[in-house]
C-alpha atoms as a PDB file:
ATOM      1  CA  HIS A   1      10.523  39.896   0.701  1.00  0.00           C
ATOM      2  CA  LEU A   2      11.948  36.167   0.343  1.00  0.00           C
ATOM      3  CA  PRO A   3       9.857  33.097   0.466  1.00  0.00           C
ATOM      4  CA  GLY A   4      10.238  30.841   3.209  1.00  0.00           C
ATOM      5  CA  LYS A   5      10.889  34.119   5.683  1.00  0.00           C
ATOM      6  CA  PRO A   6       8.410  35.130   8.467  1.00  0.00           C
ATOM      7  CA  ILE A   7       6.048  37.462   7.957  1.00  0.00           C
ATOM      8  CA  SER A   8       7.169  40.850   8.537  1.00  0.00           C
ATOM      9  CA  SER A   9       4.774  43.303   7.618  1.00  0.00           C
ATOM     10  CA  GLY A  10       1.992  44.384   9.924  1.00  0.00           C
ATOM     11  CA  TYR A  11      -0.259  45.473   6.932  1.00  0.00           C
ATOM     12  CA  THR A  12       0.127  41.830   5.934  1.00  0.00           C
ATOM     13  CA  LEU A  13      -0.790  40.209   9.495  1.00  0.00           C
ATOM     14  CA  LYS A  14      -3.742  42.245   9.950  1.00  0.00           C
ATOM     15  CA  ALA A  15      -5.239  41.269   6.415  1.00  0.00           C
ATOM     16  CA  ILE A  16      -4.559  37.519   7.510  1.00  0.00           C
ATOM     17  CA  GLU A  17      -5.737  38.585  10.944  1.00  0.00           C
ATOM     18  CA  THR A  18      -8.868  40.337   9.688  1.00  0.00           C
ATOM     19  CA  GLY A  19      -9.682  38.512   6.347  1.00  0.00           C
ATOM     20  CA  GLU A  20     -10.144  42.257   5.274  1.00  0.00           C
ATOM     21  CA  VAL A  21      -8.452  44.156   2.207  1.00  0.00           C
ATOM     22  CA  VAL A  22      -5.612  46.262   3.985  1.00  0.00           C
ATOM     23  CA  TYR A  23      -4.628  49.612   2.175  1.00  0.00           C
ATOM     24  CA  ALA A  24      -1.865  51.929   3.217  1.00  0.00           C
ATOM     25  CA  ASP A  25      -1.317  55.052   0.981  1.00  0.00           C
ATOM     26  CA  GLY A  26       1.583  56.271   2.745  1.00  0.00           C
ATOM     27  CA  ASN A  27      -0.112  59.673   3.296  1.00  0.00           C
ATOM     28  CA  GLU A  28      -3.264  59.333   5.610  1.00  0.00           C
ATOM     29  CA  VAL A  29      -2.204  55.831   6.528  1.00  0.00           C
ATOM     30  CA  PRO A  30       1.491  55.827   7.025  1.00  0.00           C
ATOM     31  CA  TYR A  31       3.334  53.077   4.940  1.00  0.00           C
ATOM     32  CA  ARG A  32       7.201  52.075   5.537  1.00  0.00           C
ATOM     33  CA  CYS A  33       8.828  49.038   4.607  1.00  0.00           C
ATOM     34  CA  SER A  34       9.508  46.884   7.500  1.00  0.00           C
ATOM     35  CA  LEU A  35      12.803  45.330   5.939  1.00  0.00           C
ATOM     36  CA  HIS A  36      14.903  48.313   4.636  1.00  0.00           C
ATOM     37  CA  PRO A  37      14.904  51.892   5.454  1.00  0.00           C
ATOM     38  CA  GLN A  38      15.598  53.198   1.673  1.00  0.00           C
ATOM     39  CA  CYS A  39      13.086  50.915  -0.068  1.00  0.00           C
ATOM     40  CA  LYS A  40      11.388  53.092  -2.428  1.00  0.00           C
ATOM     41  CA  LEU A  41       8.082  51.268  -2.248  1.00  0.00           C
ATOM     42  CA  GLY A  42       5.391  54.313  -0.751  1.00  0.00           C
ATOM     43  CA  SER A  43       2.078  52.431  -0.511  1.00  0.00           C
ATOM     44  CA  THR A  44       0.573  49.123  -0.478  1.00  0.00           C
ATOM     45  CA  LEU A  45      -2.663  47.062  -0.977  1.00  0.00           C
ATOM     46  CA  VAL A  46      -3.185  43.697   0.831  1.00  0.00           C
ATOM     47  CA  ILE A  47      -5.842  41.481  -0.278  1.00  0.00           C
ATOM     48  CA  PRO A  48      -6.617  38.116   1.755  1.00  0.00           C
ATOM     49  CA  LEU A  49      -6.784  34.608  -0.301  1.00  0.00           C
ATOM     50  CA  ARG A  50      -9.449  32.499   0.860  1.00  0.00           C
ATOM     51  CA  GLY A  51      -9.846  28.695   0.636  1.00  0.00           C
ATOM     52  CA  GLU A  52     -12.092  26.756   2.233  1.00  0.00           C
ATOM     53  CA  ASN A  53     -14.796  27.785   4.628  1.00  0.00           C
ATOM     54  CA  GLN A  54     -13.626  31.026   3.769  1.00  0.00           C
ATOM     55  CA  ARG A  55     -10.219  30.590   5.775  1.00  0.00           C
ATOM     56  CA  VAL A  56      -7.550  33.016   4.998  1.00  0.00           C
ATOM     57  CA  MET A  57      -4.751  31.105   3.187  1.00  0.00           C
ATOM     58  CA  GLY A  58      -2.339  34.076   2.253  1.00  0.00           C
ATOM     59  CA  THR A  59      -2.446  37.006   0.724  1.00  0.00           C
ATOM     60  CA  ILE A  60      -1.822  39.328  -2.620  1.00  0.00           C
ATOM     61  CA  LYS A  61       0.311  42.132  -2.155  1.00  0.00           C
ATOM     62  CA  LEU A  62       0.297  45.214  -4.592  1.00  0.00           C
ATOM     63  CA  TYR A  63       2.740  48.355  -4.221  1.00  0.00           C
ATOM     64  CA  GLU A  64       3.289  51.644  -5.483  1.00  0.00           C
ATOM     65  CA  ALA A  65       6.759  53.418  -5.561  1.00  0.00           C
ATOM     66  CA  LYS A  66       5.374  56.395  -4.761  1.00  0.00           C
ATOM     67  CA  ASN A  67       3.027  57.878  -1.827  1.00  0.00           C
ATOM     68  CA  ARG A  68      -0.097  57.925  -3.842  1.00  0.00           C
ATOM     69  CA  LEU A  69      -3.444  56.716  -4.016  1.00  0.00           C
ATOM     70  CA  PHE A  70      -3.771  53.235  -5.969  1.00  0.00           C
ATOM     71  CA  SER A  71      -5.811  53.589  -9.275  1.00  0.00           C
ATOM     72  CA  SER A  72      -8.915  51.980  -9.187  1.00  0.00           C
ATOM     73  CA  ILE A  73      -7.947  49.757 -12.204  1.00  0.00           C
ATOM     74  CA  ASN A  74      -4.856  48.507 -10.054  1.00  0.00           C
ATOM     75  CA  ARG A  75      -7.098  48.027  -7.097  1.00  0.00           C
ATOM     76  CA  THR A  76     -10.055  46.076  -9.008  1.00  0.00           C
ATOM     77  CA  LEU A  77      -6.806  44.393 -10.669  1.00  0.00           C
ATOM     78  CA  GLY A  78      -5.666  43.258  -7.350  1.00  0.00           C
ATOM     79  CA  GLU A  79      -9.141  42.121  -6.098  1.00  0.00           C
ATOM     80  CA  GLY A  80      -9.892  40.093  -9.261  1.00  0.00           C
ATOM     81  CA  ILE A  81      -6.364  38.088  -9.077  1.00  0.00           C
ATOM     82  CA  ALA A  82      -7.241  37.622  -5.443  1.00  0.00           C
ATOM     83  CA  GLN A  83     -10.477  36.098  -6.339  1.00  0.00           C
ATOM     84  CA  LEU A  84      -9.201  34.041  -9.096  1.00  0.00           C
ATOM     85  CA  LEU A  85      -6.305  32.529  -6.908  1.00  0.00           C
ATOM     86  CA  SER A  86      -8.840  31.823  -3.927  1.00  0.00           C
ATOM     87  CA  ALA A  87     -11.129  29.854  -6.398  1.00  0.00           C
ATOM     88  CA  GLN A  88      -8.227  28.076  -7.754  1.00  0.00           C
ATOM     89  CA  ILE A  89      -7.157  27.199  -4.129  1.00  0.00           C
ATOM     90  CA  LEU A  90     -10.585  26.024  -3.175  1.00  0.00           C
ATOM     91  CA  ALA A  91     -10.872  23.784  -6.561  1.00  0.00           C
ATOM     92  CA  GLY A  92      -7.461  22.288  -5.547  1.00  0.00           C
ATOM     93  CA  GLN A  93      -8.361  21.542  -1.732  1.00  0.00           C
ATOM     94  CA  TYR A  94     -11.711  19.829  -3.620  1.00  0.00           C
ATOM     95  CA  GLU A  95      -9.882  17.705  -5.834  1.00  0.00           C
ATOM     96  CA  ARG A  96      -7.466  16.827  -3.066  1.00  0.00           C
ATOM     97  CA  GLN A  97     -10.158  15.802  -0.735  1.00  0.00           C
ATOM     98  CA  LYS A  98     -11.794  13.931  -3.474  1.00  0.00           C
ATOM     99  CA  ALA A  99      -8.554  11.745  -3.824  1.00  0.00           C
ATOM    100  CA  LEU A 100      -8.270  11.348  -0.100  1.00  0.00           C
ATOM    101  CA  LEU A 101     -11.927   9.929   0.041  1.00  0.00           C
ATOM    102  CA  THR A 102     -11.288   7.733  -2.792  1.00  0.00           C
ATOM    103  CA  GLN A 103      -7.960   6.440  -1.335  1.00  0.00           C
ATOM    104  CA  SER A 104      -9.831   6.093   2.282  1.00  0.00           C
ATOM    105  CA  GLU A 105     -12.539   3.922   0.323  1.00  0.00           C
ATOM    106  CA  ILE A 106     -10.138   1.791  -1.061  1.00  0.00           C
ATOM    107  CA  LYS A 107      -8.094   1.157   2.511  1.00  0.00           C
ATOM    108  CA  LEU A 108     -11.727   0.398   3.854  1.00  0.00           C
ATOM    109  CA  LEU A 109     -11.852  -2.109   0.766  1.00  0.00           C
ATOM    110  CA  HIS A 110      -8.616  -3.639   1.593  1.00  0.00           C
ATOM    111  CA  ALA A 111      -9.605  -3.976   5.291  1.00  0.00           C
ATOM    112  CA  GLN A 112     -12.703  -5.820   4.354  1.00  0.00           C
ATOM    113  CA  VAL A 113     -11.166  -8.160   1.809  1.00  0.00           C
ATOM    114  CA  ASN A 114      -8.160  -9.194   3.713  1.00  0.00           C
ATOM    115  CA  PRO A 115      -9.376 -10.645   6.954  1.00  0.00           C
ATOM    116  CA  HIS A 116     -11.806 -12.561   4.974  1.00  0.00           C
ATOM    117  CA  PHE A 117      -9.519 -13.813   2.343  1.00  0.00           C
ATOM    118  CA  LEU A 118      -6.810 -14.773   4.896  1.00  0.00           C
ATOM    119  CA  PHE A 119      -8.949 -16.803   6.856  1.00  0.00           C
ATOM    120  CA  ASN A 120     -10.330 -18.921   3.687  1.00  0.00           C
ATOM    121  CA  ALA A 121      -6.600 -19.189   2.685  1.00  0.00           C
ATOM    122  CA  LEU A 122      -5.106 -20.563   5.852  1.00  0.00           C
ATOM    123  CA  ASN A 123      -8.156 -23.065   5.869  1.00  0.00           C
ATOM    124  CA  THR A 124      -7.341 -24.315   2.323  1.00  0.00           C
ATOM    125  CA  ILE A 125      -3.438 -24.446   3.026  1.00  0.00           C
ATOM    126  CA  LYS A 126      -4.205 -26.283   6.169  1.00  0.00           C
ATOM    127  CA  ALA A 127      -6.378 -28.799   4.162  1.00  0.00           C
ATOM    128  CA  VAL A 128      -3.939 -29.041   1.425  1.00  0.00           C
ATOM    129  CA  ILE A 129      -0.699 -29.521   3.499  1.00  0.00           C
ATOM    130  CA  ARG A 130      -2.046 -32.958   4.792  1.00  0.00           C
ATOM    131  CA  ARG A 131      -2.045 -34.486   1.331  1.00  0.00           C
ATOM    132  CA  ASP A 132       0.459 -32.505  -0.908  1.00  0.00           C
ATOM    133  CA  SER A 133       3.084 -30.611   1.013  1.00  0.00           C
ATOM    134  CA  ASP A 134       4.799 -28.984  -2.197  1.00  0.00           C
ATOM    135  CA  GLN A 135       1.183 -27.510  -3.337  1.00  0.00           C
ATOM    136  CA  ALA A 136       0.932 -26.221   0.101  1.00  0.00           C
ATOM    137  CA  CYS A 137       4.281 -24.216  -0.318  1.00  0.00           C
ATOM    138  CA  GLN A 138       3.233 -23.036  -3.784  1.00  0.00           C
ATOM    139  CA  LEU A 139       0.200 -21.683  -1.941  1.00  0.00           C
ATOM    140  CA  VAL A 140       2.245 -19.964   0.811  1.00  0.00           C
ATOM    141  CA  GLN A 141       4.061 -18.044  -2.013  1.00  0.00           C
ATOM    142  CA  TYR A 142       1.011 -17.023  -3.715  1.00  0.00           C
ATOM    143  CA  LEU A 143      -0.483 -15.886  -0.529  1.00  0.00           C
ATOM    144  CA  SER A 144       2.579 -13.691   0.526  1.00  0.00           C
ATOM    145  CA  THR A 145       2.326 -12.585  -3.414  1.00  0.00           C
ATOM    146  CA  PHE A 146      -1.096 -11.637  -2.721  1.00  0.00           C
ATOM    147  CA  PHE A 147      -0.544  -9.293   0.533  1.00  0.00           C
ATOM    148  CA  ARG A 148       2.697  -7.589  -0.709  1.00  0.00           C
ATOM    149  CA  LYS A 149       0.687  -6.533  -3.833  1.00  0.00           C
ATOM    150  CA  ASN A 150      -1.872  -5.412  -1.425  1.00  0.00           C
ATOM    151  CA  LEU A 151       0.547  -3.108   0.251  1.00  0.00           C
ATOM    152  CA  LYS A 152       1.050  -0.819  -2.804  1.00  0.00           C
ATOM    153  CA  ARG A 153      -0.556   2.562  -2.587  1.00  0.00           C
ATOM    154  CA  PRO A 154      -4.510   2.867  -4.001  1.00  0.00           C
ATOM    155  CA  SER A 155      -3.182   5.726  -5.871  1.00  0.00           C
ATOM    156  CA  GLU A 156       0.018   4.201  -7.112  1.00  0.00           C
ATOM    157  CA  ILE A 157       0.294   3.238 -11.027  1.00  0.00           C
ATOM    158  CA  VAL A 158       1.246  -0.265 -11.860  1.00  0.00           C
ATOM    159  CA  THR A 159       1.670  -2.589 -15.240  1.00  0.00           C
ATOM    160  CA  LEU A 160      -0.967  -4.646 -16.265  1.00  0.00           C
ATOM    161  CA  ALA A 161       1.705  -7.429 -15.783  1.00  0.00           C
ATOM    162  CA  ASP A 162       1.882  -6.460 -12.274  1.00  0.00           C
ATOM    163  CA  GLU A 163      -2.005  -6.552 -11.918  1.00  0.00           C
ATOM    164  CA  ILE A 164      -2.341  -9.956 -13.530  1.00  0.00           C
ATOM    165  CA  GLU A 165       0.276 -11.019 -11.045  1.00  0.00           C
ATOM    166  CA  HIS A 166      -1.828  -9.933  -8.075  1.00  0.00           C
ATOM    167  CA  VAL A 167      -4.930 -11.280  -9.505  1.00  0.00           C
ATOM    168  CA  ASN A 168      -3.230 -14.743 -10.152  1.00  0.00           C
ATOM    169  CA  ALA A 169      -2.036 -15.086  -6.919  1.00  0.00           C
ATOM    170  CA  TYR A 170      -5.864 -14.548  -5.419  1.00  0.00           C
ATOM    171  CA  LEU A 171      -7.311 -16.868  -8.190  1.00  0.00           C
ATOM    172  CA  GLN A 172      -4.830 -19.879  -7.555  1.00  0.00           C
ATOM    173  CA  ILE A 173      -5.378 -19.869  -3.609  1.00  0.00           C
ATOM    174  CA  GLU A 174      -9.169 -19.831  -4.747  1.00  0.00           C
ATOM    175  CA  LYS A 175      -8.907 -22.855  -7.131  1.00  0.00           C
ATOM    176  CA  ALA A 176      -7.287 -24.639  -4.356  1.00  0.00           C
ATOM    177  CA  ARG A 177     -10.410 -24.119  -2.260  1.00  0.00           C
ATOM    178  CA  PHE A 178     -12.796 -24.809  -4.855  1.00  0.00           C
ATOM    179  CA  GLN A 179     -10.879 -27.494  -6.685  1.00  0.00           C
ATOM    180  CA  SER A 180     -12.795 -28.654  -9.565  1.00  0.00           C
ATOM    181  CA  ARG A 181     -15.842 -26.447  -8.904  1.00  0.00           C
ATOM    182  CA  LEU A 182     -13.441 -23.152 -10.280  1.00  0.00           C
ATOM    183  CA  GLN A 183     -12.149 -23.237 -13.808  1.00  0.00           C
ATOM    184  CA  VAL A 184      -9.856 -19.868 -14.858  1.00  0.00           C
ATOM    185  CA  GLN A 185      -8.588 -18.402 -18.140  1.00  0.00           C
ATOM    186  CA  LEU A 186      -6.166 -15.860 -18.407  1.00  0.00           C
ATOM    187  CA  ASP A 187      -6.044 -14.336 -21.888  1.00  0.00           C
ATOM    188  CA  VAL A 188      -3.587 -11.087 -21.924  1.00  0.00           C
ATOM    189  CA  PRO A 189      -1.222 -10.895 -24.671  1.00  0.00           C
ATOM    190  CA  SER A 190       2.330  -9.679 -23.794  1.00  0.00           C
ATOM    191  CA  THR A 191       2.255  -6.886 -26.018  1.00  0.00           C
ATOM    192  CA  LEU A 192      -0.202  -5.355 -23.579  1.00  0.00           C
ATOM    193  CA  SER A 193       1.533  -6.476 -20.492  1.00  0.00           C
ATOM    194  CA  ARG A 194       3.311  -2.867 -20.050  1.00  0.00           C
ATOM    195  CA  GLN A 195       0.055  -0.802 -20.187  1.00  0.00           C
ATOM    196  CA  LYS A 196      -0.471   0.998 -17.062  1.00  0.00           C
ATOM    197  CA  LEU A 197      -3.628   1.369 -14.619  1.00  0.00           C
ATOM    198  CA  PRO A 198      -4.242   2.151 -10.934  1.00  0.00           C
ATOM    199  CA  ALA A 199      -2.995  -0.436  -8.164  1.00  0.00           C
ATOM    200  CA  PHE A 200      -5.728  -2.839  -7.043  1.00  0.00           C
ATOM    201  CA  THR A 201      -8.045  -2.168 -10.179  1.00  0.00           C
ATOM    202  CA  LEU A 202      -8.709  -6.029 -11.154  1.00  0.00           C
ATOM    203  CA  GLN A 203      -8.857  -7.930  -7.947  1.00  0.00           C
ATOM    204  CA  PRO A 204     -12.088  -6.117  -6.515  1.00  0.00           C
ATOM    205  CA  ILE A 205     -13.795  -7.445  -9.862  1.00  0.00           C
ATOM    206  CA  VAL A 206     -12.689 -10.864  -9.961  1.00  0.00           C
ATOM    207  CA  GLU A 207     -13.382 -11.366  -6.230  1.00  0.00           C
ATOM    208  CA  ASN A 208     -16.819 -10.428  -7.361  1.00  0.00           C
ATOM    209  CA  ALA A 209     -16.959 -12.673  -9.932  1.00  0.00           C
ATOM    210  CA  ILE A 210     -16.359 -15.562  -7.709  1.00  0.00           C
ATOM    211  CA  LYS A 211     -17.878 -14.565  -4.302  1.00  0.00           C
ATOM    212  CA  HIS A 212     -21.180 -13.196  -5.657  1.00  0.00           C
ATOM    213  CA  GLY A 213     -20.878 -15.311  -8.671  1.00  0.00           C
ATOM    214  CA  THR A 214     -19.441 -18.922  -9.312  1.00  0.00           C
ATOM    215  CA  SER A 215     -19.207 -19.766  -5.785  1.00  0.00           C
ATOM    216  CA  GLN A 216     -23.112 -19.642  -5.683  1.00  0.00           C
ATOM    217  CA  LEU A 217     -23.235 -22.453  -8.588  1.00  0.00           C
ATOM    218  CA  LEU A 218     -23.729 -26.168  -8.062  1.00  0.00           C
ATOM    219  CA  ASP A 219     -21.814 -27.135 -11.271  1.00  0.00           C
ATOM    220  CA  THR A 220     -18.443 -25.575 -12.310  1.00  0.00           C
ATOM    221  CA  GLY A 221     -17.775 -21.836 -12.361  1.00  0.00           C
ATOM    222  CA  ASN A 222     -15.859 -20.332 -15.227  1.00  0.00           C
ATOM    223  CA  VAL A 223     -13.916 -16.998 -14.581  1.00  0.00           C
ATOM    224  CA  ALA A 224     -12.105 -15.806 -18.131  1.00  0.00           C
ATOM    225  CA  ILE A 225      -9.843 -12.576 -17.995  1.00  0.00           C
ATOM    226  CA  ARG A 226      -9.408 -11.029 -21.150  1.00  0.00           C
ATOM    227  CA  ALA A 227      -6.962  -7.877 -22.487  1.00  0.00           C
ATOM    228  CA  ARG A 228      -7.555  -6.556 -25.932  1.00  0.00           C
ATOM    229  CA  ARG A 229      -6.763  -3.697 -27.928  1.00  0.00           C
ATOM    230  CA  GLU A 230      -9.922  -1.889 -29.450  1.00  0.00           C
ATOM    231  CA  GLY A 231      -8.976   1.225 -31.499  1.00  0.00           C
ATOM    232  CA  GLN A 232      -6.846   3.825 -28.854  1.00  0.00           C
ATOM    233  CA  HIS A 233      -8.375   1.935 -26.183  1.00  0.00           C
ATOM    234  CA  LEU A 234      -7.606  -1.156 -23.518  1.00  0.00           C
ATOM    235  CA  MET A 235     -10.366  -3.368 -22.774  1.00  0.00           C
ATOM    236  CA  LEU A 236     -10.132  -5.723 -19.850  1.00  0.00           C
ATOM    237  CA  ASP A 237     -12.838  -8.190 -19.503  1.00  0.00           C
ATOM    238  CA  ILE A 238     -13.666 -10.061 -16.331  1.00  0.00           C
ATOM    239  CA  GLU A 239     -16.582 -12.724 -17.145  1.00  0.00           C
ATOM    240  CA  ASP A 240     -18.107 -15.488 -15.001  1.00  0.00           C
ATOM    241  CA  ASN A 241     -20.858 -17.876 -16.334  1.00  0.00           C
ATOM    242  CA  ALA A 242     -23.010 -17.681 -13.285  1.00  0.00           C
ATOM    243  CA  GLY A 243     -24.895 -14.647 -14.511  1.00  0.00           C
ATOM    244  CA  LEU A 244     -25.850 -13.581 -11.021  1.00  0.00           C
ATOM    245  CA  TYR A 245     -25.138  -9.600 -11.334  1.00  0.00           C
ATOM    246  CA  GLN A 246     -27.587  -7.358  -9.534  1.00  0.00           C
ATOM    247  CA  PRO A 247     -26.972  -3.791 -10.004  1.00  0.00           C
ATOM    248  CA  SER A 248     -28.679  -2.982  -6.542  1.00  0.00           C
ATOM    249  CA  ALA A 249     -26.490  -5.400  -4.260  1.00  0.00           C
ATOM    250  CA  GLY A 250     -24.600  -2.743  -2.100  1.00  0.00           C
ATOM    251  CA  SER A 251     -21.975  -5.033  -0.702  1.00  0.00           C
ATOM    252  CA  SER A 252     -21.089  -6.784  -3.863  1.00  0.00           C
ATOM    253  CA  GLY A 253     -21.309  -3.251  -6.029  1.00  0.00           C
ATOM    254  CA  LEU A 254     -18.926  -1.730  -3.558  1.00  0.00           C
ATOM    255  CA  GLY A 255     -15.656  -2.688  -5.320  1.00  0.00           C
ATOM    256  CA  MET A 256     -16.662  -1.923  -8.487  1.00  0.00           C
ATOM    257  CA  SER A 257     -18.126   1.137  -8.163  1.00  0.00           C
ATOM    258  CA  LEU A 258     -14.817   2.213  -6.415  1.00  0.00           C
ATOM    259  CA  VAL A 259     -12.778   1.062  -9.559  1.00  0.00           C
ATOM    260  CA  ASP A 260     -15.072   2.619 -11.722  1.00  0.00           C
ATOM    261  CA  LYS A 261     -14.983   5.905  -9.765  1.00  0.00           C
ATOM    262  CA  ARG A 262     -10.945   5.840  -9.386  1.00  0.00           C
ATOM    263  CA  LEU A 263     -10.532   4.965 -13.443  1.00  0.00           C
ATOM    264  CA  ARG A 264     -13.004   8.229 -14.272  1.00  0.00           C
ATOM    265  CA  GLU A 265     -11.018  10.245 -11.635  1.00  0.00           C
ATOM    266  CA  HIS A 266      -7.791   9.223 -13.246  1.00  0.00           C
ATOM    267  CA  PHE A 267      -8.143   9.015 -16.669  1.00  0.00           C
ATOM    268  CA  GLY A 268     -11.698  11.020 -17.670  1.00  0.00           C
ATOM    269  CA  ASP A 269     -15.319  10.157 -18.031  1.00  0.00           C
ATOM    270  CA  ASP A 270     -14.932   8.506 -21.465  1.00  0.00           C
ATOM    271  CA  TYR A 271     -13.335   5.505 -19.508  1.00  0.00           C
ATOM    272  CA  GLY A 272     -14.687   3.285 -16.472  1.00  0.00           C
ATOM    273  CA  ILE A 273     -16.514   0.220 -16.060  1.00  0.00           C
ATOM    274  CA  SER A 274     -19.598  -1.190 -18.089  1.00  0.00           C
ATOM    275  CA  VAL A 275     -21.782  -4.147 -17.192  1.00  0.00           C
ATOM    276  CA  ALA A 276     -23.439  -6.774 -19.647  1.00  0.00           C
ATOM    277  CA  CYS A 277     -25.334  -9.651 -17.914  1.00  0.00           C
ATOM    278  CA  GLU A 278     -27.893 -12.588 -19.279  1.00  0.00           C
ATOM    279  CA  PRO A 279     -29.191 -14.288 -16.093  1.00  0.00           C
ATOM    280  CA  ASP A 280     -28.414 -17.268 -15.249  1.00  0.00           C
ATOM    281  CA  CYS A 281     -25.777 -17.406 -18.037  1.00  0.00           C
ATOM    282  CA  PHE A 282     -22.859 -14.934 -17.874  1.00  0.00           C
ATOM    283  CA  THR A 283     -21.600 -11.637 -16.203  1.00  0.00           C
ATOM    284  CA  ARG A 284     -19.005  -9.758 -18.395  1.00  0.00           C
ATOM    285  CA  ILE A 285     -17.549  -6.757 -16.533  1.00  0.00           C
ATOM    286  CA  THR A 286     -15.487  -4.410 -18.951  1.00  0.00           C
ATOM    287  CA  LEU A 287     -13.248  -2.106 -17.792  1.00  0.00           C
ATOM    288  CA  ARG A 288     -12.015   0.874 -20.732  1.00  0.00           C
ATOM    289  CA  LEU A 289      -8.768   2.645 -20.084  1.00  0.00           C
ATOM    290  CA  PRO A 290      -6.470   4.601 -22.463  1.00  0.00           C
ATOM    291  CA  LEU A 291      -4.053   2.712 -24.531  1.00  0.00           C
ATOM    292  CA  GLU A 292      -0.301   3.836 -24.321  1.00  0.00           C
ATOM    293  CA  GLU A 293       1.374   3.329 -27.639  1.00  0.00           C
ATOM    294  CA  ASP A 294       4.923   3.475 -26.210  1.00  0.00           C
ATOM    295  CA  ALA A 295       3.947   0.872 -23.538  1.00  0.00           C
END
C-alpha cells in the first residue's frame, strides 16, 4: 500500500463513499488483502477523515495480523486519531481560506489603485513633457518601477529597501503632480534596509496620507516616512500634517485595515498598526513589526 497508488481496497472505497466506519473482522465479515494473497493481515478497521462541510478527505486504516476482533481500546484509539486529524485538516483549510481571502482583498485594492493612479500619472507626465523632457523620462521610469513592484504577489516577503523603492516611485510621481504643494521626507537608516515585511505594506498607507490627507490642504502638505528600532521591534511611521484621519471612513480605511490584518496574520497579534491623530495638525500611522537581528 504505497503513497500515490490507486485505492484498491473495497473497504476503503466503501468508507469514503458512505462516510461511515467500516470494520472487517475476517470471520463474520470476510477480509482478504487486495494486493497479495500471502498477506498476514487478517482484519481491518477503516475510519473516514472529514474536512469542511463533513466532506470525507481520506481514511485512517488499522489492521490486525490475525482474524480477531479489534479490542475496544484499539477501536477507540483509531477513532480518536481520526477525529484529531480531521480537526487538523479543518483548521488547515480554514487558515488557507483566510490567506486566500486576504490575497483576494489585496488584489482588489490593487485593481482600485492602479487605474486611478495611472490616469493621474499619465496626465502629470503629459503636462511635464511640454516643459522638461528629462523630468518626463524620469517620471516614466518611476511609473515603470511602481507597476513592476505592484506585480509582486501579496504573500511575498520583501526587504524594507524594496518597499521604500516602491513608495519612492509613487511619491516622485505625486510630487510632480502636486509640485510645491507636497513635500516628502524619507528617514530610513541603512542598518534597517534588510528588514523583512510583506510586499505592498507601505504604499497603501502612504497613498492614504496623500489622497485623504495632504491633498485636501490649501497649504503645503508634508509626508514623512521614518524607520526606527525600538527594542526588538521595527517601527515604521508615516506622518502627514493634515490631521484629517477618520476611523469610520470606509474607503480611506480599506488599505490600512488590510495591511493591519496581514501583519497580524503573518507576525501575530502583538504586531500591526496604531494611529495617533491631532485634528488639523497631524496623523501618524505606526507599523510595528518584529526586528530580525541578522538582517
